[in-house]
Amino acid sequence: MPMDPVERFLTALDPHHRDVVGNRPREEQERLAAAWERELEADTELDSLDELSPSAAEAEAARRVLDREP
């Protein structure tokens, strides 16, 4: 499992979004990864999902972060 937050975030994305975000500047990737980590930490529903499927919780948090992007 990648330890770098950006790599972990990219891994949680679906293939299309992984390519799109992967082509963005590193600073933007880091900003999105930080927002993703905050989403994982703050949402109690994701805590429950994480107990059942960590990868599903990470994917849901990634989707939520991208949904908030303009």
Protein backbone atom coordinates (compact mmCIF):
# COMPACT_ATOMS: atom_id res chain seq x y z
CA MET A 1 0.00 0.00 0.00
CA PRO A 2 1.48 3.37 -1.00
CA MET A 3 2.39 5.61 1.94
CA ASP A 4 2.44 8.90 0.01
CA PRO A 5 -0.94 10.64 0.49
CA VAL A 6 -1.14 11.61 -3.18
CA GLU A 7 -0.45 8.05 -4.31
CA ARG A 8 -3.03 6.71 -1.84
CA PHE A 9 -5.57 9.25 -3.10
CA LEU A 10 -4.89 8.38 -6.73
CA THR A 11 -5.26 4.69 -5.92
CA ALA A 12 -8.69 5.37 -4.37
CA LEU A 13 -9.96 7.04 -7.55
CA ASP A 14 -11.67 5.27 -10.43
CA PRO A 15 -9.42 4.88 -13.50
CA HIS A 16 -10.84 7.87 -15.40
CA HIS A 17 -10.47 10.29 -12.50
CA ARG A 18 -7.06 8.82 -11.64
CA ASP A 19 -5.84 9.82 -15.12
CA VAL A 20 -7.41 13.28 -14.91
CA VAL A 21 -6.05 14.06 -11.44
CA GLY A 22 -2.72 12.42 -12.28
CA ASN A 23 -2.23 14.96 -15.06
CA ARG A 24 -2.80 17.94 -12.76
CA PRO A 25 0.10 19.83 -11.13
CA ARG A 26 1.60 18.19 -8.05
CA GLU A 27 0.43 21.06 -5.80
CA GLU A 28 -3.18 20.49 -6.85
CA GLN A 29 -2.82 16.75 -6.31
CA GLU A 30 -1.49 17.43 -2.80
CA ARG A 31 -4.40 19.78 -2.08
CA LEU A 32 -6.93 17.15 -3.18
CA ALA A 33 -5.14 14.42 -1.21
CA ALA A 34 -5.23 16.59 1.92
CA ALA A 35 -8.96 17.20 1.43
CA TRP A 36 -9.42 13.45 0.95
CA GLU A 37 -7.60 12.68 4.20
CA ARG A 38 -9.74 15.25 6.05
CA GLU A 39 -12.87 13.64 4.60
CA LEU A 40 -11.74 10.22 5.81
CA GLU A 41 -10.99 11.55 9.29
CA ALA A 42 -14.12 13.65 9.73
CA ASP A 43 -16.97 11.53 8.38
CA THR A 44 -18.33 9.01 10.86
CA GLU A 45 -20.24 7.14 8.14
CA LEU A 46 -16.93 6.45 6.43
CA ASP A 47 -15.58 5.11 9.73
CA SER A 48 -18.27 2.43 9.69
CA LEU A 49 -17.66 1.66 6.02
CA ASP A 50 -13.92 1.53 6.69
CA GLU A 51 -14.48 -1.29 9.18
CA LEU A 52 -16.23 -3.30 6.46
CA SER A 53 -14.11 -2.28 3.46
CA PRO A 54 -11.25 0.19 3.78
CA SER A 55 -10.89 0.52 0.01
CA ALA A 56 -14.61 1.30 -0.39
CA ALA A 57 -14.39 4.01 2.27
CA GLU A 58 -11.35 5.53 0.56
CA ALA A 59 -13.08 5.45 -2.83
CA GLU A 60 -16.23 7.09 -1.40
CA ALA A 61 -14.18 9.84 0.24
CA ALA A 62 -12.30 10.43 -3.04
CA ARG A 63 -15.60 10.67 -4.94
CA ARG A 64 -16.91 13.22 -2.43
CA VAL A 65 -13.78 15.36 -2.71
CA LEU A 66 -13.99 15.42 -6.52
CA ASP A 67 -17.73 16.14 -6.41
CA ARG A 68 -16.93 19.36 -4.52
CA GLU A 69 -14.44 20.51 -7.16
CA PRO A 70 -15.66 23.24 -9.51
